[in-house]
């Protein structure tokens, strides 16, 4: 049986990211794994204090170091809303051709009886078309300026943002919305799917059962 790990929402390049605490652990896990899924918002082009082209270059270097350091592990990068940016996609197209153990996916990847996706479909009722339209708005979105970034840092430090996910992302609501999306793309229980791994909500979730599926979320590598 293949050993597979999943991580999402590191938000690398954003000031609020705590990902540096987990990078060594990620590398160690990948070195012992057959498969490793990077489940979206691994990079943050929305809140990065550097231009998108520099962020894309840094992302490519990070991925190259990770994949070359763990040649026996195949990495699957699923994009999220914060790293769904055209400059990164262009770089990923080239990087995938050069890297035998790297595949990237715009929306989801199915591995055996498990589906891995970012989870921004939990924002509202979505099908494939609506998700593509919503993601399209992020393709060349400008990064936040220094003032807004500083303001958001204050919000994180004062934890004013904490009540929001708990109000918006109840376990049952999230599971229902993701379930509907998976059904709309033919990846529900009838297609043999049993487990769903997702991010986006920044809330830990383990083995939450809903209509024949088990939902899992590893949380996020960010402050607050």
N, C-alpha and C. Protein backbone atom coordinates (compact mmCIF):
# COMPACT_ATOMS: atom_id res chain seq x y z
N UNK A 1 0.84 -1.20 0.00
CA UNK A 1 0.00 0.00 0.00
C UNK A 1 0.88 1.26 0.00
N UNK A 2 0.55 2.23 -0.84
CA UNK A 2 1.33 3.46 -0.93
C UNK A 2 1.14 4.33 0.30
N UNK A 3 2.23 4.95 0.73
CA UNK A 3 2.17 5.89 1.85
C UNK A 3 2.02 7.29 1.27
N UNK A 4 0.97 8.00 1.69
CA UNK A 4 0.66 9.31 1.12
C UNK A 4 0.44 10.33 2.23
N UNK A 5 0.96 11.53 2.04
CA UNK A 5 0.75 12.63 2.97
C UNK A 5 0.07 13.79 2.26
N UNK A 6 -0.61 14.62 3.05
CA UNK A 6 -1.33 15.78 2.52
C UNK A 6 -1.07 16.98 3.41
N UNK A 7 -0.76 18.11 2.79
CA UNK A 7 -0.62 19.36 3.53
C UNK A 7 -1.16 20.48 2.65
N UNK A 8 -1.74 21.50 3.27
CA UNK A 8 -2.26 22.64 2.51
C UNK A 8 -2.06 23.92 3.32
N UNK A 9 -2.31 25.04 2.68
CA UNK A 9 -2.41 26.34 3.35
C UNK A 9 -1.16 26.73 4.13
N UNK A 10 0.00 26.53 3.53
CA UNK A 10 1.23 27.04 4.13
C UNK A 10 1.34 28.55 3.95
N UNK A 11 0.75 29.07 2.90
CA UNK A 11 0.75 30.50 2.59
C UNK A 11 2.17 31.08 2.58
N UNK A 12 3.08 30.33 1.96
CA UNK A 12 4.45 30.81 1.83
C UNK A 12 4.48 32.17 1.13
N UNK A 13 5.35 33.03 1.60
CA UNK A 13 5.60 34.40 1.12
C UNK A 13 4.72 35.43 1.84
N UNK A 14 3.63 35.03 2.47
CA UNK A 14 2.80 35.98 3.22
C UNK A 14 3.40 36.19 4.61
N UNK A 15 3.25 37.41 5.14
CA UNK A 15 3.80 37.71 6.46
C UNK A 15 3.18 36.84 7.55
N UNK A 16 1.94 36.44 7.36
CA UNK A 16 1.25 35.67 8.41
C UNK A 16 1.64 34.19 8.40
N UNK A 17 2.46 33.76 7.45
CA UNK A 17 2.80 32.34 7.35
C UNK A 17 3.74 31.91 8.47
N UNK A 18 3.45 30.76 9.04
CA UNK A 18 4.33 30.10 10.00
C UNK A 18 4.94 28.84 9.40
N UNK A 19 4.95 28.76 8.09
CA UNK A 19 5.33 27.52 7.41
C UNK A 19 6.75 27.08 7.73
N UNK A 20 7.63 28.04 8.07
CA UNK A 20 9.02 27.67 8.36
C UNK A 20 9.11 26.65 9.50
N UNK A 21 8.09 26.61 10.35
CA UNK A 21 8.07 25.67 11.47
C UNK A 21 7.87 24.22 11.00
N UNK A 22 7.33 24.07 9.79
CA UNK A 22 6.93 22.74 9.33
C UNK A 22 7.74 22.23 8.15
N UNK A 23 8.62 23.05 7.59
CA UNK A 23 9.29 22.67 6.35
C UNK A 23 10.20 21.45 6.53
N UNK A 24 10.92 21.39 7.64
CA UNK A 24 11.78 20.23 7.89
C UNK A 24 10.93 18.98 8.04
N UNK A 25 9.83 19.10 8.78
CA UNK A 25 8.93 17.97 8.97
C UNK A 25 8.33 17.50 7.64
N UNK A 26 7.99 18.46 6.78
CA UNK A 26 7.45 18.10 5.46
C UNK A 26 8.48 17.32 4.65
N UNK A 27 9.72 17.80 4.67
CA UNK A 27 10.78 17.11 3.95
C UNK A 27 11.02 15.70 4.48
N UNK A 28 10.99 15.55 5.80
CA UNK A 28 11.20 14.23 6.40
C UNK A 28 10.07 13.27 6.03
N UNK A 29 8.83 13.78 6.07
CA UNK A 29 7.69 12.94 5.71
C UNK A 29 7.76 12.53 4.24
N UNK A 30 8.11 13.48 3.38
CA UNK A 30 8.18 13.19 1.95
C UNK A 30 9.26 12.17 1.63
N UNK A 31 10.36 12.20 2.38
CA UNK A 31 11.45 11.26 2.11
C UNK A 31 11.06 9.82 2.41
N UNK A 32 10.00 9.65 3.22
CA UNK A 32 9.53 8.30 3.56
C UNK A 32 8.22 7.95 2.86
N UNK A 33 7.76 8.84 1.98
CA UNK A 33 6.45 8.65 1.34
C UNK A 33 6.58 8.22 -0.11
N UNK A 34 5.51 7.63 -0.60
CA UNK A 34 5.40 7.33 -2.03
C UNK A 34 4.73 8.48 -2.77
N UNK A 35 3.77 9.11 -2.10
CA UNK A 35 2.99 10.20 -2.68
C UNK A 35 2.88 11.32 -1.66
N UNK A 36 2.89 12.55 -2.15
CA UNK A 36 2.71 13.72 -1.27
C UNK A 36 1.87 14.73 -2.03
N UNK A 37 0.74 15.09 -1.44
CA UNK A 37 -0.16 16.05 -2.08
C UNK A 37 -0.05 17.39 -1.38
N UNK A 38 0.27 18.42 -2.15
CA UNK A 38 0.30 19.80 -1.68
C UNK A 38 -1.03 20.41 -2.09
N UNK A 39 -1.90 20.66 -1.10
CA UNK A 39 -3.31 20.88 -1.38
C UNK A 39 -3.80 22.30 -1.51
N UNK A 40 -3.01 23.17 -2.09
CA UNK A 40 -3.50 24.52 -2.39
C UNK A 40 -3.14 25.56 -1.35
N UNK A 41 -2.98 26.79 -1.81
CA UNK A 41 -2.51 27.90 -0.99
C UNK A 41 -1.19 27.55 -0.30
N UNK A 42 -0.40 26.73 -0.96
CA UNK A 42 0.97 26.49 -0.50
C UNK A 42 1.74 27.79 -0.60
N UNK A 43 1.46 28.53 -1.66
CA UNK A 43 2.06 29.85 -1.87
C UNK A 43 0.95 30.90 -1.82
N UNK A 44 1.30 32.09 -1.41
CA UNK A 44 0.29 33.15 -1.29
C UNK A 44 0.68 34.34 -2.16
N UNK A 45 0.06 34.43 -3.32
CA UNK A 45 0.32 35.53 -4.24
C UNK A 45 -0.54 36.74 -3.93
N UNK A 46 -1.50 36.59 -3.05
CA UNK A 46 -2.42 37.69 -2.73
C UNK A 46 -1.82 38.62 -1.68
N UNK A 47 -1.16 38.02 -0.68
CA UNK A 47 -0.60 38.81 0.42
C UNK A 47 0.92 38.85 0.42
N UNK A 48 1.56 38.32 -0.61
CA UNK A 48 3.02 38.34 -0.68
C UNK A 48 3.53 39.77 -0.81
N UNK A 49 4.56 40.14 -0.05
CA UNK A 49 5.11 41.50 -0.16
C UNK A 49 6.06 41.66 -1.34
N UNK A 50 6.21 40.62 -2.16
CA UNK A 50 7.09 40.68 -3.33
C UNK A 50 6.26 40.55 -4.60
N UNK A 51 6.77 41.05 -5.74
CA UNK A 51 6.02 40.96 -7.01
C UNK A 51 5.75 39.51 -7.41
N UNK A 52 4.68 39.26 -8.16
CA UNK A 52 4.32 37.90 -8.56
C UNK A 52 5.44 37.14 -9.27
N UNK A 53 6.21 37.81 -10.12
CA UNK A 53 7.25 37.10 -10.85
C UNK A 53 8.32 36.59 -9.90
N UNK A 54 8.65 37.37 -8.88
CA UNK A 54 9.63 36.91 -7.89
C UNK A 54 9.06 35.80 -7.03
N UNK A 55 7.77 35.91 -6.71
CA UNK A 55 7.13 34.85 -5.92
C UNK A 55 7.11 33.54 -6.71
N UNK A 56 6.83 33.63 -8.01
CA UNK A 56 6.81 32.42 -8.85
C UNK A 56 8.20 31.79 -8.93
N UNK A 57 9.22 32.62 -9.03
CA UNK A 57 10.59 32.09 -9.06
C UNK A 57 10.94 31.40 -7.76
N UNK A 58 10.54 32.02 -6.64
CA UNK A 58 10.80 31.42 -5.33
C UNK A 58 10.02 30.12 -5.15
N UNK A 59 8.79 30.10 -5.64
CA UNK A 59 7.97 28.88 -5.56
C UNK A 59 8.61 27.75 -6.36
N UNK A 60 9.11 28.07 -7.54
CA UNK A 60 9.75 27.05 -8.39
C UNK A 60 11.01 26.51 -7.71
N UNK A 61 11.78 27.39 -7.08
CA UNK A 61 12.99 26.93 -6.37
C UNK A 61 12.61 26.00 -5.22
N UNK A 62 11.57 26.38 -4.48
CA UNK A 62 11.12 25.56 -3.34
C UNK A 62 10.67 24.19 -3.81
N UNK A 63 9.89 24.16 -4.87
CA UNK A 63 9.41 22.88 -5.41
C UNK A 63 10.56 22.04 -5.96
N UNK A 64 11.51 22.69 -6.59
CA UNK A 64 12.66 21.97 -7.14
C UNK A 64 13.49 21.33 -6.04
N UNK A 65 13.70 22.08 -4.95
CA UNK A 65 14.46 21.54 -3.83
C UNK A 65 13.73 20.37 -3.18
N UNK A 66 12.41 20.51 -3.04
CA UNK A 66 11.61 19.46 -2.41
C UNK A 66 11.60 18.19 -3.25
N UNK A 67 11.35 18.34 -4.54
CA UNK A 67 11.26 17.16 -5.41
C UNK A 67 12.62 16.50 -5.64
N UNK A 68 13.67 17.29 -5.78
CA UNK A 68 15.00 16.71 -6.00
C UNK A 68 15.52 16.05 -4.73
N UNK A 69 15.10 16.56 -3.57
CA UNK A 69 15.53 15.97 -2.31
C UNK A 69 14.82 14.69 -1.95
N UNK A 70 13.69 14.43 -2.61
CA UNK A 70 12.90 13.21 -2.34
C UNK A 70 12.53 12.56 -3.67
N UNK A 71 13.51 12.03 -4.39
CA UNK A 71 13.27 11.53 -5.75
C UNK A 71 12.34 10.33 -5.84
N UNK A 72 12.17 9.59 -4.74
CA UNK A 72 11.30 8.41 -4.77
C UNK A 72 9.85 8.74 -4.45
N UNK A 73 9.59 9.98 -4.11
CA UNK A 73 8.23 10.43 -3.79
C UNK A 73 7.66 11.23 -4.96
N UNK A 74 6.43 10.93 -5.35
CA UNK A 74 5.79 11.72 -6.40
C UNK A 74 4.91 12.79 -5.74
N UNK A 75 5.13 14.03 -6.13
CA UNK A 75 4.41 15.17 -5.56
C UNK A 75 3.29 15.61 -6.49
N UNK A 76 2.13 15.85 -5.91
CA UNK A 76 0.99 16.40 -6.64
C UNK A 76 0.67 17.76 -6.03
N UNK A 77 0.79 18.81 -6.83
CA UNK A 77 0.45 20.16 -6.38
C UNK A 77 -0.93 20.53 -6.91
N UNK A 78 -1.88 20.70 -6.00
CA UNK A 78 -3.22 21.15 -6.35
C UNK A 78 -3.31 22.63 -6.00
N UNK A 79 -3.71 23.45 -6.93
CA UNK A 79 -3.74 24.89 -6.68
C UNK A 79 -4.94 25.29 -5.83
N UNK A 80 -4.75 26.35 -5.05
CA UNK A 80 -5.83 26.97 -4.29
C UNK A 80 -6.10 28.36 -4.84
N UNK A 81 -6.97 29.09 -4.19
CA UNK A 81 -7.27 30.42 -4.72
C UNK A 81 -6.10 31.40 -4.57
N UNK A 82 -5.31 31.28 -3.51
CA UNK A 82 -4.22 32.24 -3.30
C UNK A 82 -2.99 31.95 -4.15
N UNK A 83 -2.87 30.76 -4.71
CA UNK A 83 -1.75 30.50 -5.61
C UNK A 83 -2.20 30.18 -7.03
N UNK A 84 -3.46 30.47 -7.32
CA UNK A 84 -3.98 30.32 -8.68
C UNK A 84 -3.67 31.61 -9.43
N UNK A 85 -2.43 31.76 -9.83
CA UNK A 85 -1.95 32.98 -10.48
C UNK A 85 -1.25 32.60 -11.78
N UNK A 86 -1.46 33.39 -12.81
CA UNK A 86 -0.97 33.03 -14.14
C UNK A 86 0.54 32.84 -14.18
N UNK A 87 1.29 33.69 -13.48
CA UNK A 87 2.75 33.56 -13.54
C UNK A 87 3.21 32.25 -12.92
N UNK A 88 2.52 31.80 -11.88
CA UNK A 88 2.88 30.51 -11.28
C UNK A 88 2.47 29.36 -12.19
N UNK A 89 1.29 29.45 -12.77
CA UNK A 89 0.84 28.39 -13.68
C UNK A 89 1.80 28.24 -14.86
N UNK A 90 2.23 29.36 -15.43
CA UNK A 90 3.20 29.30 -16.53
C UNK A 90 4.48 28.59 -16.10
N UNK A 91 4.93 28.91 -14.89
CA UNK A 91 6.15 28.29 -14.38
C UNK A 91 5.95 26.79 -14.11
N UNK A 92 4.77 26.43 -13.60
CA UNK A 92 4.48 25.03 -13.30
C UNK A 92 4.44 24.17 -14.56
N UNK A 93 3.93 24.73 -15.65
CA UNK A 93 3.89 24.00 -16.92
C UNK A 93 5.30 23.59 -17.33
N UNK A 94 6.24 24.51 -17.18
CA UNK A 94 7.63 24.21 -17.54
C UNK A 94 8.27 23.26 -16.53
N UNK A 95 8.00 23.52 -15.25
CA UNK A 95 8.62 22.72 -14.20
C UNK A 95 8.16 21.27 -14.24
N UNK A 96 6.90 21.05 -14.54
CA UNK A 96 6.37 19.69 -14.61
C UNK A 96 7.07 18.88 -15.71
N UNK A 97 7.37 19.53 -16.84
CA UNK A 97 8.05 18.85 -17.94
C UNK A 97 9.49 18.48 -17.56
N UNK A 98 10.08 19.26 -16.67
CA UNK A 98 11.47 19.05 -16.29
C UNK A 98 11.62 18.13 -15.07
N UNK A 99 10.51 17.86 -14.37
CA UNK A 99 10.57 17.15 -13.09
C UNK A 99 9.71 15.90 -13.16
N UNK A 100 10.35 14.74 -13.14
CA UNK A 100 9.62 13.48 -13.33
C UNK A 100 8.69 13.13 -12.17
N UNK A 101 8.96 13.66 -10.99
CA UNK A 101 8.14 13.31 -9.82
C UNK A 101 7.27 14.48 -9.35
N UNK A 102 6.85 15.32 -10.30
CA UNK A 102 5.96 16.43 -9.97
C UNK A 102 4.83 16.52 -10.98
N UNK A 103 3.61 16.59 -10.47
CA UNK A 103 2.42 16.85 -11.30
C UNK A 103 1.64 17.98 -10.64
N UNK A 104 1.02 18.82 -11.45
CA UNK A 104 0.20 19.88 -10.87
C UNK A 104 -1.21 19.79 -11.43
N UNK A 105 -2.16 20.27 -10.65
CA UNK A 105 -3.58 20.13 -10.98
C UNK A 105 -4.30 21.43 -10.60
N UNK A 106 -5.07 21.98 -11.51
CA UNK A 106 -5.74 23.26 -11.20
C UNK A 106 -6.82 23.16 -10.13
N UNK A 107 -7.53 22.02 -10.06
CA UNK A 107 -8.68 21.96 -9.16
C UNK A 107 -8.67 20.77 -8.19
N UNK A 108 -8.31 19.60 -8.64
CA UNK A 108 -8.31 18.43 -7.74
C UNK A 108 -7.49 17.31 -8.37
N UNK A 109 -7.19 16.30 -7.53
CA UNK A 109 -6.56 15.08 -8.04
C UNK A 109 -7.21 13.89 -7.34
N UNK A 110 -7.46 12.85 -8.09
CA UNK A 110 -8.02 11.60 -7.55
C UNK A 110 -6.90 10.56 -7.50
N UNK A 111 -6.68 10.01 -6.31
CA UNK A 111 -5.70 8.95 -6.12
C UNK A 111 -6.38 7.79 -5.41
N UNK A 112 -6.64 6.73 -6.12
CA UNK A 112 -7.35 5.60 -5.55
C UNK A 112 -8.76 6.00 -5.13
N UNK A 113 -9.10 5.71 -3.90
CA UNK A 113 -10.43 6.07 -3.39
C UNK A 113 -10.48 7.41 -2.71
N UNK A 114 -9.45 8.24 -2.91
CA UNK A 114 -9.38 9.55 -2.25
C UNK A 114 -9.34 10.68 -3.27
N UNK A 115 -10.02 11.76 -2.94
CA UNK A 115 -9.96 12.99 -3.73
C UNK A 115 -9.29 14.06 -2.89
N UNK A 116 -8.37 14.78 -3.50
CA UNK A 116 -7.66 15.87 -2.84
C UNK A 116 -7.99 17.16 -3.58
N UNK A 117 -8.46 18.17 -2.86
CA UNK A 117 -8.78 19.45 -3.46
C UNK A 117 -8.54 20.55 -2.45
N UNK A 118 -8.51 21.79 -2.93
CA UNK A 118 -8.21 22.87 -2.00
C UNK A 118 -9.36 23.11 -1.04
N UNK A 119 -10.57 23.20 -1.55
CA UNK A 119 -11.72 23.37 -0.66
C UNK A 119 -12.42 24.71 -0.77
N UNK A 120 -11.98 25.58 -1.71
CA UNK A 120 -12.68 26.85 -1.85
C UNK A 120 -14.07 26.68 -2.42
N UNK A 121 -14.42 25.46 -2.84
CA UNK A 121 -15.81 25.19 -3.22
C UNK A 121 -16.73 25.28 -2.01
N UNK A 122 -16.17 25.29 -0.81
CA UNK A 122 -16.99 25.42 0.40
C UNK A 122 -17.50 26.83 0.60
N UNK A 123 -17.03 27.78 -0.20
CA UNK A 123 -17.49 29.16 -0.07
C UNK A 123 -18.95 29.31 -0.47
N UNK A 124 -19.39 28.52 -1.41
CA UNK A 124 -20.75 28.63 -1.93
C UNK A 124 -21.04 27.35 -2.72
N UNK A 125 -22.27 27.21 -3.17
CA UNK A 125 -22.58 26.03 -3.99
C UNK A 125 -21.92 26.19 -5.35
N UNK A 126 -21.06 25.25 -5.69
CA UNK A 126 -20.31 25.36 -6.94
C UNK A 126 -20.32 24.07 -7.73
N UNK A 127 -20.26 24.23 -9.03
CA UNK A 127 -19.96 23.13 -9.92
C UNK A 127 -18.64 23.49 -10.62
N UNK A 128 -18.23 22.68 -11.57
CA UNK A 128 -16.94 22.91 -12.22
C UNK A 128 -16.90 24.27 -12.91
N UNK A 129 -17.99 24.66 -13.56
CA UNK A 129 -18.01 25.94 -14.28
C UNK A 129 -17.89 27.11 -13.31
N UNK A 130 -18.65 27.08 -12.22
CA UNK A 130 -18.62 28.19 -11.27
C UNK A 130 -17.26 28.31 -10.59
N UNK A 131 -16.65 27.16 -10.29
CA UNK A 131 -15.32 27.21 -9.68
C UNK A 131 -14.31 27.81 -10.64
N UNK A 132 -14.36 27.41 -11.90
CA UNK A 132 -13.44 27.95 -12.90
C UNK A 132 -13.62 29.46 -13.04
N UNK A 133 -14.85 29.92 -13.00
CA UNK A 133 -15.11 31.36 -13.10
C UNK A 133 -14.57 32.09 -11.88
N UNK A 134 -14.79 31.53 -10.70
CA UNK A 134 -14.29 32.16 -9.47
C UNK A 134 -12.77 32.20 -9.45
N UNK A 135 -12.15 31.11 -9.86
CA UNK A 135 -10.69 31.06 -9.90
C UNK A 135 -10.13 32.02 -10.94
N UNK A 136 -10.87 32.19 -12.04
CA UNK A 136 -10.40 33.08 -13.09
C UNK A 136 -10.18 34.50 -12.60
N UNK A 137 -10.90 34.89 -11.57
CA UNK A 137 -10.74 36.23 -11.01
C UNK A 137 -9.42 36.39 -10.28
N UNK A 138 -8.76 35.27 -9.97
CA UNK A 138 -7.49 35.31 -9.24
C UNK A 138 -6.28 35.25 -10.18
N UNK A 139 -6.49 34.98 -11.45
CA UNK A 139 -5.37 34.68 -12.35
C UNK A 139 -4.32 35.78 -12.41
N UNK A 140 -4.76 37.02 -12.49
CA UNK A 140 -3.80 38.13 -12.54
C UNK A 140 -4.13 39.18 -11.49
N UNK A 141 -4.75 38.72 -10.40
CA UNK A 141 -5.12 39.66 -9.33
C UNK A 141 -3.87 40.29 -8.74
N UNK A 142 -3.94 41.58 -8.53
CA UNK A 142 -2.80 42.28 -7.95
C UNK A 142 -2.65 41.91 -6.47
N UNK A 143 -1.39 41.85 -6.04
CA UNK A 143 -1.15 41.59 -4.63
C UNK A 143 -1.58 42.81 -3.82
N UNK A 144 -1.90 42.57 -2.56
CA UNK A 144 -2.29 43.65 -1.67
C UNK A 144 -1.11 44.58 -1.43
N UNK A 145 -1.39 45.88 -1.34
CA UNK A 145 -0.35 46.85 -1.09
C UNK A 145 0.15 46.80 0.34
N UNK A 146 1.25 47.52 0.64
CA UNK A 146 1.85 47.49 1.98
C UNK A 146 0.88 47.91 3.08
N UNK A 147 0.02 48.91 2.81
CA UNK A 147 -0.89 49.39 3.85
C UNK A 147 -1.90 48.30 4.23
N UNK A 148 -2.54 47.70 3.22
CA UNK A 148 -3.52 46.65 3.51
C UNK A 148 -2.86 45.44 4.15
N UNK A 149 -1.64 45.13 3.72
CA UNK A 149 -0.93 44.00 4.32
C UNK A 149 -0.66 44.26 5.79
N UNK A 150 -0.24 45.49 6.11
CA UNK A 150 0.00 45.84 7.51
C UNK A 150 -1.28 45.77 8.32
N UNK A 151 -2.37 46.26 7.75
CA UNK A 151 -3.65 46.22 8.45
C UNK A 151 -4.06 44.78 8.72
N UNK A 152 -3.84 43.91 7.75
CA UNK A 152 -4.21 42.51 7.96
C UNK A 152 -3.31 41.86 9.01
N UNK A 153 -2.04 42.26 9.05
CA UNK A 153 -1.15 41.74 10.09
C UNK A 153 -1.68 42.10 11.47
N UNK A 154 -2.20 43.32 11.60
CA UNK A 154 -2.77 43.76 12.88
C UNK A 154 -4.00 42.92 13.23
N UNK A 155 -4.83 42.67 12.22
CA UNK A 155 -6.03 41.85 12.45
C UNK A 155 -5.63 40.46 12.94
N UNK A 156 -4.60 39.88 12.34
CA UNK A 156 -4.15 38.55 12.75
C UNK A 156 -3.60 38.57 14.16
N UNK A 157 -2.78 39.58 14.47
CA UNK A 157 -2.17 39.66 15.80
C UNK A 157 -3.22 39.85 16.89
N UNK A 158 -4.27 40.60 16.58
CA UNK A 158 -5.32 40.83 17.57
C UNK A 158 -6.39 39.76 17.54
N UNK A 159 -6.26 38.82 16.57
CA UNK A 159 -7.15 37.66 16.46
C UNK A 159 -8.60 38.05 16.15
N UNK A 160 -8.77 39.22 15.54
CA UNK A 160 -10.13 39.65 15.19
C UNK A 160 -10.73 38.80 14.08
N UNK A 161 -9.86 38.09 13.34
CA UNK A 161 -10.34 37.26 12.24
C UNK A 161 -10.83 35.90 12.71
N UNK A 162 -10.56 35.54 13.96
CA UNK A 162 -10.83 34.17 14.41
C UNK A 162 -12.31 33.77 14.38
N UNK A 163 -13.25 34.63 14.76
CA UNK A 163 -14.64 34.16 14.76
C UNK A 163 -15.18 33.83 13.37
N UNK A 164 -14.60 34.41 12.34
CA UNK A 164 -15.19 34.28 11.01
C UNK A 164 -15.23 32.84 10.50
N UNK A 165 -14.11 32.09 10.50
CA UNK A 165 -14.20 30.72 9.99
C UNK A 165 -15.18 29.85 10.76
N UNK A 166 -15.30 30.08 12.07
CA UNK A 166 -16.21 29.26 12.87
C UNK A 166 -17.66 29.54 12.50
N UNK A 167 -17.94 30.77 12.09
CA UNK A 167 -19.31 31.12 11.70
C UNK A 167 -19.63 30.63 10.30
N UNK A 168 -18.65 30.72 9.41
CA UNK A 168 -18.89 30.41 8.01
C UNK A 168 -18.71 28.93 7.70
N UNK A 169 -17.71 28.30 8.34
CA UNK A 169 -17.31 26.96 7.95
C UNK A 169 -17.66 25.91 9.00
N UNK A 170 -18.91 25.73 9.31
CA UNK A 170 -19.28 24.61 10.17
C UNK A 170 -19.00 23.32 9.42
N UNK A 171 -18.70 22.27 10.16
CA UNK A 171 -18.30 21.00 9.53
C UNK A 171 -19.35 20.50 8.54
N UNK A 172 -20.59 20.55 8.95
CA UNK A 172 -21.65 20.00 8.10
C UNK A 172 -21.85 20.84 6.84
N UNK A 173 -21.80 22.16 6.96
CA UNK A 173 -21.95 23.02 5.79
C UNK A 173 -20.82 22.77 4.79
N UNK A 174 -19.60 22.71 5.30
CA UNK A 174 -18.45 22.47 4.44
C UNK A 174 -18.57 21.12 3.74
N UNK A 175 -18.90 20.08 4.50
CA UNK A 175 -19.03 18.75 3.91
C UNK A 175 -20.13 18.72 2.86
N UNK A 176 -21.23 19.37 3.13
CA UNK A 176 -22.35 19.37 2.18
C UNK A 176 -21.95 20.06 0.88
N UNK A 177 -21.29 21.21 0.98
CA UNK A 177 -20.91 21.95 -0.22
C UNK A 177 -19.86 21.20 -1.04
N UNK A 178 -18.88 20.61 -0.37
CA UNK A 178 -17.88 19.85 -1.11
C UNK A 178 -18.50 18.61 -1.72
N UNK A 179 -19.39 17.96 -0.99
CA UNK A 179 -20.08 16.78 -1.51
C UNK A 179 -20.83 17.12 -2.79
N UNK A 180 -21.55 18.23 -2.79
CA UNK A 180 -22.31 18.63 -3.98
C UNK A 180 -21.37 18.88 -5.16
N UNK A 181 -20.25 19.53 -4.89
CA UNK A 181 -19.29 19.79 -5.96
C UNK A 181 -18.75 18.47 -6.52
N UNK A 182 -18.36 17.56 -5.63
CA UNK A 182 -17.82 16.28 -6.09
C UNK A 182 -18.85 15.50 -6.90
N UNK A 183 -20.09 15.53 -6.47
CA UNK A 183 -21.15 14.87 -7.23
C UNK A 183 -21.27 15.48 -8.62
N UNK A 184 -21.13 16.80 -8.71
CA UNK A 184 -21.30 17.49 -9.99
C UNK A 184 -20.19 17.16 -10.98
N UNK A 185 -19.03 16.71 -10.48
CA UNK A 185 -17.92 16.37 -11.38
C UNK A 185 -17.71 14.85 -11.46
N UNK A 186 -18.68 14.09 -10.94
CA UNK A 186 -18.60 12.65 -11.04
C UNK A 186 -17.58 11.99 -10.14
N UNK A 187 -17.32 12.62 -8.98
CA UNK A 187 -16.33 12.08 -8.06
C UNK A 187 -16.93 11.86 -6.67
N UNK A 188 -18.16 11.36 -6.64
CA UNK A 188 -18.83 11.08 -5.38
C UNK A 188 -18.68 9.63 -4.97
N UNK A 189 -19.41 9.21 -3.94
CA UNK A 189 -19.33 7.82 -3.45
C UNK A 189 -19.64 6.79 -4.52
N UNK A 190 -20.56 7.11 -5.43
CA UNK A 190 -20.91 6.15 -6.48
C UNK A 190 -19.74 5.87 -7.41
N UNK A 191 -18.79 6.81 -7.46
CA UNK A 191 -17.60 6.62 -8.31
C UNK A 191 -16.46 5.95 -7.55
N UNK A 192 -16.73 5.53 -6.32
CA UNK A 192 -15.70 4.84 -5.55
C UNK A 192 -14.91 5.71 -4.61
N UNK A 193 -15.26 6.98 -4.50
CA UNK A 193 -14.56 7.87 -3.58
C UNK A 193 -15.00 7.58 -2.15
N UNK A 194 -14.04 7.50 -1.24
CA UNK A 194 -14.34 7.25 0.16
C UNK A 194 -13.81 8.34 1.09
N UNK A 195 -12.69 8.95 0.70
CA UNK A 195 -12.08 9.97 1.55
C UNK A 195 -11.83 11.24 0.76
N UNK A 196 -12.03 12.37 1.44
CA UNK A 196 -11.83 13.69 0.83
C UNK A 196 -10.88 14.48 1.71
N UNK A 197 -9.78 14.93 1.13
CA UNK A 197 -8.80 15.73 1.84
C UNK A 197 -8.81 17.14 1.25
N UNK A 198 -8.96 18.14 2.11
CA UNK A 198 -9.10 19.51 1.62
C UNK A 198 -8.48 20.50 2.60
N UNK A 199 -8.36 21.74 2.16
CA UNK A 199 -7.84 22.82 3.00
C UNK A 199 -8.80 23.99 3.01
N UNK A 200 -8.24 25.19 2.87
CA UNK A 200 -8.98 26.45 2.70
C UNK A 200 -9.62 26.99 3.97
N UNK A 201 -10.28 26.15 4.75
CA UNK A 201 -11.00 26.66 5.93
C UNK A 201 -10.08 26.94 7.10
N UNK A 202 -8.86 26.41 7.06
CA UNK A 202 -7.87 26.57 8.13
C UNK A 202 -8.33 25.93 9.44
N UNK A 203 -9.23 24.97 9.37
CA UNK A 203 -9.75 24.30 10.56
C UNK A 203 -9.46 22.81 10.48
N UNK A 204 -8.83 22.29 11.53
CA UNK A 204 -8.54 20.86 11.57
C UNK A 204 -9.83 20.05 11.57
N UNK A 205 -9.81 18.97 10.82
CA UNK A 205 -10.97 18.09 10.74
C UNK A 205 -10.46 16.68 10.44
N UNK A 206 -10.95 15.71 11.19
CA UNK A 206 -10.49 14.33 10.99
C UNK A 206 -11.67 13.38 10.92
N UNK A 207 -11.80 12.71 9.80
CA UNK A 207 -12.74 11.61 9.63
C UNK A 207 -14.19 12.02 9.93
N UNK A 208 -14.58 13.20 9.44
CA UNK A 208 -15.97 13.63 9.60
C UNK A 208 -16.81 12.97 8.51
N UNK A 209 -17.79 12.20 8.91
CA UNK A 209 -18.58 11.42 7.97
C UNK A 209 -19.79 12.22 7.46
N UNK A 210 -19.98 12.17 6.15
CA UNK A 210 -21.15 12.81 5.55
C UNK A 210 -21.52 12.07 4.27
N UNK A 211 -22.66 11.45 4.25
CA UNK A 211 -23.24 10.80 3.08
C UNK A 211 -22.26 9.86 2.37
N UNK A 212 -21.61 9.04 3.14
CA UNK A 212 -20.73 8.03 2.57
C UNK A 212 -19.30 8.46 2.35
N UNK A 213 -18.97 9.70 2.70
CA UNK A 213 -17.61 10.19 2.54
C UNK A 213 -17.02 10.57 3.90
N UNK A 214 -15.71 10.42 4.04
CA UNK A 214 -14.99 10.87 5.23
C UNK A 214 -14.15 12.08 4.86
N UNK A 215 -14.33 13.18 5.58
CA UNK A 215 -13.67 14.45 5.27
C UNK A 215 -12.52 14.71 6.25
N UNK A 216 -11.40 15.22 5.69
CA UNK A 216 -10.20 15.45 6.50
C UNK A 216 -9.60 16.81 6.12
N UNK A 217 -9.13 17.54 7.12
CA UNK A 217 -8.48 18.84 6.89
C UNK A 217 -7.36 18.99 7.91
N UNK A 218 -6.16 19.31 7.44
CA UNK A 218 -5.00 19.41 8.33
C UNK A 218 -4.77 20.78 8.92
N UNK A 219 -5.67 21.73 8.71
CA UNK A 219 -5.46 23.07 9.24
C UNK A 219 -4.55 23.90 8.35
N UNK A 220 -3.88 24.89 8.95
CA UNK A 220 -3.07 25.82 8.15
C UNK A 220 -1.81 26.22 8.89
N UNK A 221 -0.77 26.53 8.11
CA UNK A 221 0.49 26.98 8.68
C UNK A 221 0.58 28.49 8.72
N UNK A 222 -0.34 29.12 9.45
CA UNK A 222 -0.36 30.58 9.54
C UNK A 222 -0.50 31.02 10.99
N UNK A 223 -0.16 32.27 11.24
CA UNK A 223 -0.29 32.83 12.58
C UNK A 223 -1.76 33.01 12.94
N UNK A 224 -2.05 32.90 14.22
CA UNK A 224 -3.41 33.12 14.70
C UNK A 224 -4.28 31.90 14.60
